[in-house]
């Protein structure tokens, strides 16, 4: 699809959703879930409390990194804690996020023009943003902003924005494994180190008020990767018995599944054209230089910058990596739908599925996320839809990862010129060889005649 018609359709979709969002804010009642807890935690922070174990709300202790407190402190300052004013801010945030997502779709042009409107029709997404005011909304908006930067090869700035997203909610880390792979393909190993340092330093800077006072409490609360969610709120694994759901064995099985799927997609799909992760990441190149008298650090920094990655490859790897994390997540609460909804049309059209099946899967997923409370049946339907999309992505052709066109003609020429000994020569080369032998014979005869004279 040409980018100009696609841009026009995106602008129409944005205008349509702007009106729709305004109508939702005006006519649908706000749902009280976490807002009061957020304001209580922010109030404790603004009152001078720096011990994360003492920052609490009516839903429990604070479990988000420091960026969350800064964002909601700013919202509290702008709104005075009033829900109606906060809804206006989140409506604007919703539109900013939609604009970022539409820009990603316009630039990649993977979905047909009419499918862009699917991004505006989710009842649950409107509810998450403007009726419940979850911090997931801020985190996913920053995550989409970082993806847009990565598409433009702004890796260091993108990593800074990505780190800001993580500082609001750690769920953004589901993108981290696939993002690390892209960094290794796009930058030298020294450049990857700098990018990771940028992200780490931002986390340290934002957490300084807590790291310099109660560091253990901050790290254990804000970056707790071992949290066990309540079985009742699980949308994805409600069919699993609660006793097994909260067990460490179930968590370990899901972790093995997550790592295994990431490895398979990395090796067989995302790095297919480079013949595996080792070649794509530059590790093989570094090992080839092991004979030189250079330290490991010098080797890493001496490697040249890699090729420019294609936009479709960047988005496809990040969206798929995040989706794999969603499949392997032990518990998905209702607001977690925002983590991957905006990638669903992209992934569905990347998969070689009939369009009616794509639409059916999207409708089923949206329907499941609107079932309250979730049931064993709804969870099984959601899992089946996720696995169907994953199957489609596995069987989808792997796009060429770099922005430069694939040198197919050159590769064929090199293959023919480097044919193994004893192999049949091309017809053209045999004719040329006979012509050369004929010319050689004629020259020999001519020389003999001249010598006889």
Protein backbone atom coordinates (compact mmCIF):
# COMPACT_ATOMS: atom_id res chain seq x y z
CA UNK A 1 0.00 0.00 0.00
CA UNK A 2 1.28 3.48 -0.88
CA UNK A 3 2.16 5.63 2.10
CA UNK A 4 0.07 8.67 1.08
CA UNK A 5 -3.33 6.89 1.07
CA UNK A 6 -2.25 5.08 4.23
CA UNK A 7 -1.45 8.41 5.90
CA UNK A 8 -4.82 9.85 4.91
CA UNK A 9 -6.61 6.81 6.36
CA UNK A 10 -4.56 7.11 9.58
CA UNK A 11 -5.56 10.77 9.95
CA UNK A 12 -9.23 9.87 9.46
CA UNK A 13 -8.92 7.08 12.05
CA UNK A 14 -7.26 9.49 14.48
CA UNK A 15 -10.04 12.05 14.04
CA UNK A 16 -12.71 9.36 14.46
CA UNK A 17 -11.14 8.04 17.67
CA UNK A 18 -10.71 11.56 19.05
CA UNK A 19 -14.47 12.04 18.87
CA UNK A 20 -15.13 8.54 20.20
CA UNK A 21 -12.81 9.07 23.19
CA UNK A 22 -14.42 12.42 24.02
CA UNK A 23 -17.85 10.73 23.99
CA UNK A 24 -16.60 7.97 26.30
CA UNK A 25 -15.23 10.49 28.82
CA UNK A 26 -18.44 12.51 28.73
CA UNK A 27 -21.01 9.70 28.87
CA UNK A 28 -19.42 6.73 30.66
CA UNK A 29 -18.86 6.74 34.41
CA UNK A 30 -15.36 6.53 35.83
CA UNK A 31 -14.50 3.16 37.44
CA UNK A 32 -12.71 3.34 40.77
CA UNK A 33 -9.91 0.79 40.93
CA UNK A 34 -6.35 2.06 41.52
CA UNK A 35 -6.61 5.87 41.33
CA UNK A 36 -7.09 6.41 45.07
CA UNK A 37 -4.20 4.05 45.82
CA UNK A 38 -1.99 5.94 43.36
CA UNK A 39 -2.85 9.26 45.00
CA UNK A 40 -2.19 7.88 48.50
CA UNK A 41 1.23 6.59 47.46
CA UNK A 42 2.06 9.90 45.78
CA UNK A 43 0.92 11.80 48.86
CA UNK A 44 3.34 9.78 51.01
CA UNK A 45 6.18 10.53 48.60
CA UNK A 46 5.39 14.26 48.48
CA UNK A 47 5.21 14.29 52.27
CA UNK A 48 8.85 13.21 52.44
CA UNK A 49 8.60 9.44 52.83
CA UNK A 50 11.44 7.63 51.05
CA UNK A 51 11.03 4.13 52.46
CA UNK A 52 9.22 2.04 49.83
CA UNK A 53 7.92 -0.28 52.55
CA UNK A 54 5.95 2.65 54.00
CA UNK A 55 4.48 3.92 50.73
CA UNK A 56 1.04 2.30 50.59
CA UNK A 57 -2.45 2.71 49.23
CA UNK A 58 -5.76 0.96 49.77
CA UNK A 59 -4.76 -1.77 47.29
CA UNK A 60 -1.45 -2.50 49.02
CA UNK A 61 2.20 -1.37 49.01
CA UNK A 62 3.85 0.51 46.16
CA UNK A 63 5.40 -1.93 43.68
CA UNK A 64 6.40 0.38 40.80
CA UNK A 65 9.77 2.08 40.16
CA UNK A 66 10.39 5.76 40.89
CA UNK A 67 9.25 7.03 37.49
CA UNK A 68 5.70 6.13 38.47
CA UNK A 69 5.85 8.49 41.45
CA UNK A 70 7.18 11.38 39.38
CA UNK A 71 4.52 10.96 36.67
CA UNK A 72 1.60 10.74 39.07
CA UNK A 73 3.00 13.52 41.24
CA UNK A 74 2.87 15.73 38.15
CA UNK A 75 -0.70 14.58 37.41
CA UNK A 76 -1.70 15.29 41.00
CA UNK A 77 -0.18 18.77 40.74
CA UNK A 78 -2.08 19.48 37.50
CA UNK A 79 -5.42 18.06 38.66
CA UNK A 80 -5.38 18.45 42.42
CA UNK A 81 -6.28 14.76 42.53
CA UNK A 82 -9.62 15.34 40.76
CA UNK A 83 -10.66 12.37 38.65
CA UNK A 84 -12.50 14.40 35.99
CA UNK A 85 -9.42 16.51 35.26
CA UNK A 86 -7.22 13.42 35.23
CA UNK A 87 -9.53 11.82 32.67
CA UNK A 88 -8.89 14.70 30.30
CA UNK A 89 -5.13 14.19 30.68
CA UNK A 90 -5.47 10.47 30.03
CA UNK A 91 -7.69 11.11 27.02
CA UNK A 92 -4.89 13.25 25.58
CA UNK A 93 -2.41 10.52 26.50
CA UNK A 94 -4.60 7.99 24.69
CA UNK A 95 -4.51 10.12 21.54
CA UNK A 96 -0.74 10.62 21.78
CA UNK A 97 -0.30 6.87 22.05
CA UNK A 98 -2.69 6.30 19.14
CA UNK A 99 -0.73 8.79 17.04
CA UNK A 100 2.51 6.94 17.76
CA UNK A 101 0.97 3.58 16.90
CA UNK A 102 -0.54 4.93 13.68
CA UNK A 103 2.85 6.32 12.67
CA UNK A 104 4.36 2.86 13.17
CA UNK A 105 1.68 1.27 10.99
CA UNK A 106 1.97 3.93 8.27
CA UNK A 107 5.74 3.56 8.09
CA UNK A 108 5.69 -0.25 7.90
CA UNK A 109 2.56 -0.61 5.71
CA UNK A 110 2.00 -4.22 6.72
CA UNK A 111 -1.80 -4.06 7.22
CA UNK A 112 -4.35 -2.96 4.60
CA UNK A 113 -5.78 0.53 4.92
CA UNK A 114 -9.14 -0.54 6.32
CA UNK A 115 -7.52 -2.64 9.08
CA UNK A 116 -6.00 0.53 10.59
CA UNK A 117 -9.48 1.34 11.94
CA UNK A 118 -9.29 -1.81 14.08
CA UNK A 119 -6.87 0.08 16.33
CA UNK A 120 -9.67 2.45 17.34
CA UNK A 121 -12.46 -0.01 18.17
CA UNK A 122 -11.38 -1.65 21.44
CA UNK A 123 -13.85 -1.11 24.27
CA UNK A 124 -11.35 -2.41 26.84
CA UNK A 125 -8.55 -0.06 25.71
CA UNK A 126 -10.75 3.02 26.02
CA UNK A 127 -11.73 1.82 29.49
CA UNK A 128 -8.12 1.22 30.57
CA UNK A 129 -7.02 4.69 29.49
CA UNK A 130 -9.86 7.12 30.27
CA UNK A 131 -12.05 5.27 32.79
CA UNK A 132 -9.45 3.60 35.01
CA UNK A 133 -6.33 5.77 34.57
CA UNK A 134 -3.82 2.93 34.97
CA UNK A 135 -0.08 3.54 34.91
CA UNK A 136 0.12 0.92 32.13
CA UNK A 137 -1.12 3.68 29.82
CA UNK A 138 1.90 5.88 30.51
CA UNK A 139 4.33 2.96 30.22
CA UNK A 140 2.99 1.67 26.90
CA UNK A 141 2.92 5.17 25.39
CA UNK A 142 6.61 5.60 26.22
CA UNK A 143 7.31 2.11 24.88
CA UNK A 144 5.67 2.94 21.55
CA UNK A 145 7.65 6.20 21.43
CA UNK A 146 10.87 4.22 21.88
CA UNK A 147 9.87 1.81 19.08
CA UNK A 148 9.31 4.79 16.75
CA UNK A 149 12.82 6.00 17.62
CA UNK A 150 14.32 2.55 17.05
CA UNK A 151 12.70 2.49 13.60
CA UNK A 152 14.61 5.70 12.80
CA UNK A 153 17.88 4.11 14.07
CA UNK A 154 17.97 6.49 17.09
CA UNK A 155 19.13 3.69 19.34
CA UNK A 156 20.59 5.68 22.24
CA UNK A 157 17.68 8.13 22.49
CA UNK A 158 15.29 5.22 22.09
CA UNK A 159 16.98 3.38 24.95
CA UNK A 160 16.59 6.45 27.15
CA UNK A 161 12.85 6.60 26.43
CA UNK A 162 12.57 2.82 26.88
CA UNK A 163 14.20 3.13 30.29
CA UNK A 164 11.71 5.84 31.23
CA UNK A 165 8.91 3.44 30.30
CA UNK A 166 10.42 0.74 32.54
CA UNK A 167 10.60 3.26 35.37
CA UNK A 168 6.81 3.62 35.25
CA UNK A 169 6.06 -0.11 35.06
CA UNK A 170 8.37 -3.08 34.58
CA UNK A 171 6.00 -4.83 32.19
CA UNK A 172 7.84 -3.04 29.38
CA UNK A 173 10.75 -5.41 30.01
CA UNK A 174 8.89 -8.01 27.96
CA UNK A 175 10.41 -6.18 24.98
CA UNK A 176 13.94 -6.44 26.43
CA UNK A 177 15.17 -9.78 24.98
CA UNK A 178 14.18 -8.94 21.40
CA UNK A 179 15.43 -5.36 21.83
CA UNK A 180 18.84 -6.65 22.93
CA UNK A 181 19.03 -8.76 19.78
CA UNK A 182 18.25 -5.72 17.62
CA UNK A 183 20.89 -3.67 19.43
CA UNK A 184 23.48 -6.36 18.72
CA UNK A 185 22.54 -6.34 15.04
CA UNK A 186 22.46 -2.54 14.71
CA UNK A 187 25.47 -1.49 16.81
CA UNK A 188 28.98 -2.62 17.57
CA UNK A 189 29.38 -4.48 20.85
CA UNK A 190 30.82 -1.30 22.33
CA UNK A 191 27.74 0.57 21.12
CA UNK A 192 25.49 -2.02 22.77
CA UNK A 193 27.33 -1.45 26.05
CA UNK A 194 26.82 2.30 25.79
CA UNK A 195 23.10 1.84 25.04
CA UNK A 196 22.66 -0.42 28.06
CA UNK A 197 24.57 2.02 30.24
CA UNK A 198 22.26 4.85 29.13
CA UNK A 199 19.25 2.81 30.26
CA UNK A 200 20.88 1.78 33.55
CA UNK A 201 22.05 5.30 34.45
CA UNK A 202 18.53 6.66 33.96
CA UNK A 203 17.20 4.06 36.39
CA UNK A 204 19.88 4.99 38.92
CA UNK A 205 19.24 8.72 38.52
CA UNK A 206 15.47 8.37 38.93
CA UNK A 207 15.90 6.14 41.95
CA UNK A 208 18.52 8.27 43.73
CA UNK A 209 16.17 9.64 46.45
CA UNK A 210 15.40 6.07 47.44
CA UNK A 211 18.74 4.41 46.70
CA UNK A 212 20.54 6.89 48.98
CA UNK A 213 18.12 6.34 51.87
CA UNK A 214 16.50 2.89 51.80
CA UNK A 215 18.15 1.07 48.86
CA UNK A 216 17.15 -2.47 49.87
CA UNK A 217 13.50 -1.54 50.28
CA UNK A 218 13.45 0.27 46.93
CA UNK A 219 15.10 -2.51 44.91
CA UNK A 220 13.08 -5.32 46.53
CA UNK A 221 9.74 -3.51 46.07
CA UNK A 222 10.16 -1.67 42.78
CA UNK A 223 11.98 -4.46 40.89
CA UNK A 224 10.39 -7.56 42.39
CA UNK A 225 10.35 -10.15 39.60
CA UNK A 226 8.93 -12.87 41.82
CA UNK A 227 5.51 -11.41 42.56
CA UNK A 228 2.63 -13.90 42.65
CA UNK A 229 -0.66 -12.43 41.43
CA UNK A 230 -4.08 -13.41 42.76
CA UNK A 231 -5.64 -16.26 40.81
CA UNK A 232 -9.07 -14.59 40.72
CA UNK A 233 -7.82 -11.71 38.54
CA UNK A 234 -6.03 -13.90 36.00
CA UNK A 235 -7.48 -13.57 32.51
CA UNK A 236 -5.18 -16.05 30.78
CA UNK A 237 -4.76 -19.05 33.10
CA UNK A 238 -8.05 -19.20 35.00
CA UNK A 239 -8.43 -22.84 33.95
CA UNK A 240 -5.27 -23.78 35.92
CA UNK A 241 -6.05 -24.91 39.50
CA UNK A 242 -5.15 -22.18 41.99
CA UNK A 243 -2.79 -24.39 43.96
CA UNK A 244 -0.71 -25.11 40.87
CA UNK A 245 -1.12 -21.54 39.57
CA UNK A 246 0.77 -20.07 42.57
CA UNK A 247 3.41 -22.83 42.65
CA UNK A 248 7.05 -22.33 41.73
CA UNK A 249 6.85 -25.29 39.35
CA UNK A 250 4.30 -23.47 37.19
CA UNK A 251 6.44 -20.34 37.21
CA UNK A 252 9.51 -22.38 36.18
CA UNK A 253 7.63 -24.11 33.35
CA UNK A 254 6.45 -20.78 31.98
CA UNK A 255 9.97 -19.35 32.21
CA UNK A 256 11.37 -22.33 30.26
CA UNK A 257 8.61 -21.85 27.68
CA UNK A 258 9.42 -18.14 27.41
CA UNK A 259 13.15 -18.66 26.98
CA UNK A 260 12.66 -21.57 24.60
CA UNK A 261 10.30 -19.66 22.30
CA UNK A 262 12.60 -16.63 22.27
CA UNK A 263 15.55 -18.83 21.35
CA UNK A 264 13.69 -20.59 18.55
CA UNK A 265 12.39 -17.38 17.02
CA UNK A 266 15.79 -15.70 17.36
CA UNK A 267 17.68 -18.55 15.75
CA UNK A 268 15.22 -19.63 13.08
CA UNK A 269 13.23 -16.49 12.25
CA UNK A 270 14.81 -13.19 13.34
CA UNK A 271 18.38 -14.19 12.43
CA UNK A 272 17.60 -16.54 9.57
CA UNK A 273 19.33 -14.42 6.91
CA UNK A 274 22.48 -14.12 9.05
CA UNK A 275 22.59 -17.89 9.69
CA UNK A 276 21.94 -17.67 13.43
CA UNK A 277 22.28 -15.41 16.44
CA UNK A 278 26.05 -15.74 16.76
CA UNK A 279 26.63 -14.30 13.30
CA UNK A 280 23.90 -11.66 13.62
CA UNK A 281 25.18 -10.33 16.94
CA UNK A 282 28.82 -10.08 15.84
CA UNK A 283 30.08 -12.73 18.25
CA UNK A 284 31.53 -14.80 15.41
CA UNK A 285 33.42 -11.80 14.09
CA UNK A 286 34.87 -11.13 17.52
CA UNK A 287 35.97 -14.75 17.91
CA UNK A 288 37.68 -14.67 14.52
CA UNK A 289 39.83 -11.85 15.78
CA UNK A 290 40.85 -13.85 18.83
CA UNK A 291 44.19 -14.59 17.20
CA UNK A 292 45.14 -10.92 17.35
CA UNK A 293 46.76 -9.53 20.46
CA UNK A 294 43.78 -7.53 21.57
CA UNK A 295 41.84 -7.59 24.78
CA UNK A 296 38.20 -8.64 24.69
CA UNK A 297 37.23 -5.01 25.32
CA UNK A 298 39.34 -3.79 22.41
CA UNK A 299 37.84 -6.40 20.11
CA UNK A 300 34.34 -5.35 21.05
CA UNK A 301 35.02 -1.68 20.41
CA UNK A 302 36.97 -2.32 17.20
CA UNK A 303 34.05 -4.04 15.48
CA UNK A 304 32.42 -1.82 12.84
CA UNK A 305 28.86 -0.57 13.06
CA UNK A 306 26.38 -3.04 11.60
CA UNK A 307 24.01 -2.34 8.73
CA UNK A 308 20.89 -0.20 9.09
CA UNK A 309 17.94 -2.35 10.14
CA UNK A 310 14.72 -2.24 8.16
CA UNK A 311 11.71 -0.69 9.87
CA UNK A 312 9.52 -3.75 9.32
CA UNK A 313 12.17 -5.97 10.88
CA UNK A 314 12.51 -3.74 13.96
CA UNK A 315 8.77 -3.63 14.58
CA UNK A 316 8.22 -7.30 13.79
CA UNK A 317 10.93 -8.51 16.17
CA UNK A 318 9.81 -6.23 19.02
CA UNK A 319 6.10 -6.98 18.65
CA UNK A 320 6.68 -10.72 18.36
CA UNK A 321 9.09 -10.81 21.31
CA UNK A 322 6.59 -8.95 23.47
CA UNK A 323 3.79 -11.27 22.32
CA UNK A 324 5.83 -14.33 23.32
CA UNK A 325 6.21 -12.78 26.77
CA UNK A 326 2.43 -12.30 26.94
CA UNK A 327 1.84 -15.99 26.13
CA UNK A 328 4.26 -17.09 28.86
CA UNK A 329 3.06 -14.60 31.51
CA UNK A 330 1.67 -16.36 34.58
CA UNK A 331 -1.10 -13.83 35.09
CA UNK A 332 -2.61 -11.18 32.86
CA UNK A 333 -4.87 -8.67 34.58
CA UNK A 334 -7.42 -6.66 32.64
CA UNK A 335 -5.21 -3.58 32.25
CA UNK A 336 -2.44 -5.77 30.82
CA UNK A 337 -4.37 -5.94 27.55
CA UNK A 338 -2.80 -2.58 26.74
CA UNK A 339 0.60 -4.28 26.66
CA UNK A 340 -0.09 -5.96 23.32
CA UNK A 341 -3.43 -4.93 21.84
CA UNK A 342 -1.84 -2.38 19.49
CA UNK A 343 0.46 -5.05 18.04
CA UNK A 344 -2.33 -7.54 17.25
CA UNK A 345 -3.34 -6.24 13.77
CA UNK A 346 0.34 -6.08 12.80
CA UNK A 347 1.02 -9.65 13.97
CA UNK A 348 -2.18 -11.00 12.41
CA UNK A 349 -1.29 -9.57 9.01
CA UNK A 350 2.29 -10.80 9.28
CA UNK A 351 0.95 -14.31 9.77
CA UNK A 352 -0.14 -16.19 6.61
CA UNK A 353 -3.78 -16.48 7.70
CA UNK A 354 -6.99 -15.84 5.75
CA UNK A 355 -8.45 -12.42 6.49
CA UNK A 356 -11.70 -13.85 7.97
CA UNK A 357 -9.60 -15.90 10.41
CA UNK A 358 -7.61 -12.79 11.36
CA UNK A 359 -10.78 -10.87 12.11
CA UNK A 360 -12.27 -13.79 14.03
CA UNK A 361 -9.17 -14.09 16.22
CA UNK A 362 -9.20 -10.37 16.95
CA UNK A 363 -12.90 -10.42 17.84
CA UNK A 364 -12.45 -13.43 20.12
CA UNK A 365 -9.51 -11.86 21.93
CA UNK A 366 -11.39 -8.59 22.43
CA UNK A 367 -14.43 -10.50 23.67
CA UNK A 368 -12.42 -12.50 26.20
CA UNK A 369 -10.88 -9.33 27.62
CA UNK A 370 -14.39 -7.97 28.18
CA UNK A 371 -15.59 -11.02 30.14
CA UNK A 372 -15.78 -10.21 33.85
CA UNK A 373 -14.96 -12.13 35.88
CA UNK A 374 -12.87 -14.33 33.63
CA UNK A 375 -13.72 -18.02 33.46
CA UNK A 376 -11.89 -21.22 32.63
CA UNK A 377 -13.59 -21.23 29.23
CA UNK A 378 -12.65 -17.63 28.40
CA UNK A 379 -9.04 -18.31 29.42
CA UNK A 380 -8.88 -21.38 27.19
CA UNK A 381 -10.27 -19.38 24.27
CA UNK A 382 -7.66 -16.67 24.84
CA UNK A 383 -4.83 -19.21 24.98
CA UNK A 384 -6.07 -20.90 21.79
CA UNK A 385 -6.16 -17.55 19.97
CA UNK A 386 -2.66 -16.69 21.16
CA UNK A 387 -1.30 -20.04 20.03
CA UNK A 388 -2.99 -19.69 16.63
CA UNK A 389 -1.27 -16.32 16.10
CA UNK A 390 2.05 -17.75 17.27
CA UNK A 391 1.68 -20.65 14.83
CA UNK A 392 1.03 -18.18 12.04
CA UNK A 393 4.07 -16.09 12.97
CA UNK A 394 6.27 -19.19 12.98
CA UNK A 395 5.16 -20.09 9.45
CA UNK A 396 5.38 -16.52 8.16
CA UNK A 397 8.29 -15.76 5.78
CA UNK A 398 11.22 -13.99 7.42
CA UNK A 399 11.69 -10.51 6.02
CA UNK A 400 15.15 -9.34 4.99
CA UNK A 401 16.38 -7.56 8.14
CA UNK A 402 18.32 -4.67 6.61
CA UNK A 403 17.14 -1.52 4.89
CA UNK A 404 19.38 -2.12 1.86
CA UNK A 405 17.93 -4.44 -0.76
CA UNK A 406 18.97 -8.05 -0.62
CA UNK A 407 21.83 -8.60 -3.11
CA UNK A 408 20.22 -11.68 -4.70
CA UNK A 409 21.82 -11.31 -8.17
CA UNK A 410 25.26 -10.81 -6.70
CA UNK A 411 24.90 -13.84 -4.49
CA UNK A 412 23.91 -16.03 -7.45
CA UNK A 413 26.91 -14.80 -9.44
CA UNK A 414 29.26 -15.58 -6.57
CA UNK A 415 27.77 -19.05 -6.16
CA UNK A 416 28.25 -19.90 -9.85
CA UNK A 417 31.81 -18.57 -9.91
CA UNK A 418 32.76 -20.62 -6.88
CA UNK A 419 31.43 -23.94 -8.10
CA UNK A 420 33.24 -27.00 -6.70
CA UNK A 421 35.85 -28.81 -8.78
CA UNK A 422 34.39 -31.37 -11.14
CA UNK A 423 31.01 -29.66 -11.33
CA UNK A 424 29.44 -29.08 -14.74
CA UNK A 425 30.31 -25.67 -16.10
CA UNK A 426 27.61 -23.33 -17.40
CA UNK A 427 26.85 -23.53 -21.13
CA UNK A 428 28.05 -20.03 -21.77
CA UNK A 429 31.48 -20.69 -20.29
CA UNK A 430 31.92 -23.83 -22.47
CA UNK A 431 31.22 -21.85 -25.65
CA UNK A 432 33.70 -19.22 -24.60
CA UNK A 433 36.26 -21.91 -23.92
CA UNK A 434 35.84 -23.40 -27.42
CA UNK A 435 36.15 -19.96 -28.97
CA UNK A 436 39.38 -19.35 -27.06
CA UNK A 437 40.79 -22.72 -28.22
CA UNK A 438 39.88 -21.89 -31.86
CA UNK A 439 41.60 -18.50 -31.60
CA UNK A 440 44.66 -20.16 -30.08
CA UNK A 441 44.86 -22.68 -32.92
CA UNK A 442 44.57 -19.96 -35.56
CA UNK A 443 47.37 -17.99 -33.91
CA UNK A 444 49.59 -21.11 -33.82
CA UNK A 445 49.01 -21.83 -37.54
CA UNK A 446 49.74 -18.20 -38.41
CA UNK A 447 53.06 -18.29 -36.52
CA UNK A 448 54.15 -21.51 -38.30
CA UNK A 449 53.48 -19.95 -41.73
CA UNK A 450 55.50 -16.85 -40.81
CA UNK A 451 58.41 -19.02 -39.62
CA UNK A 452 58.40 -21.02 -42.92
CA UNK A 453 58.68 -17.81 -44.93
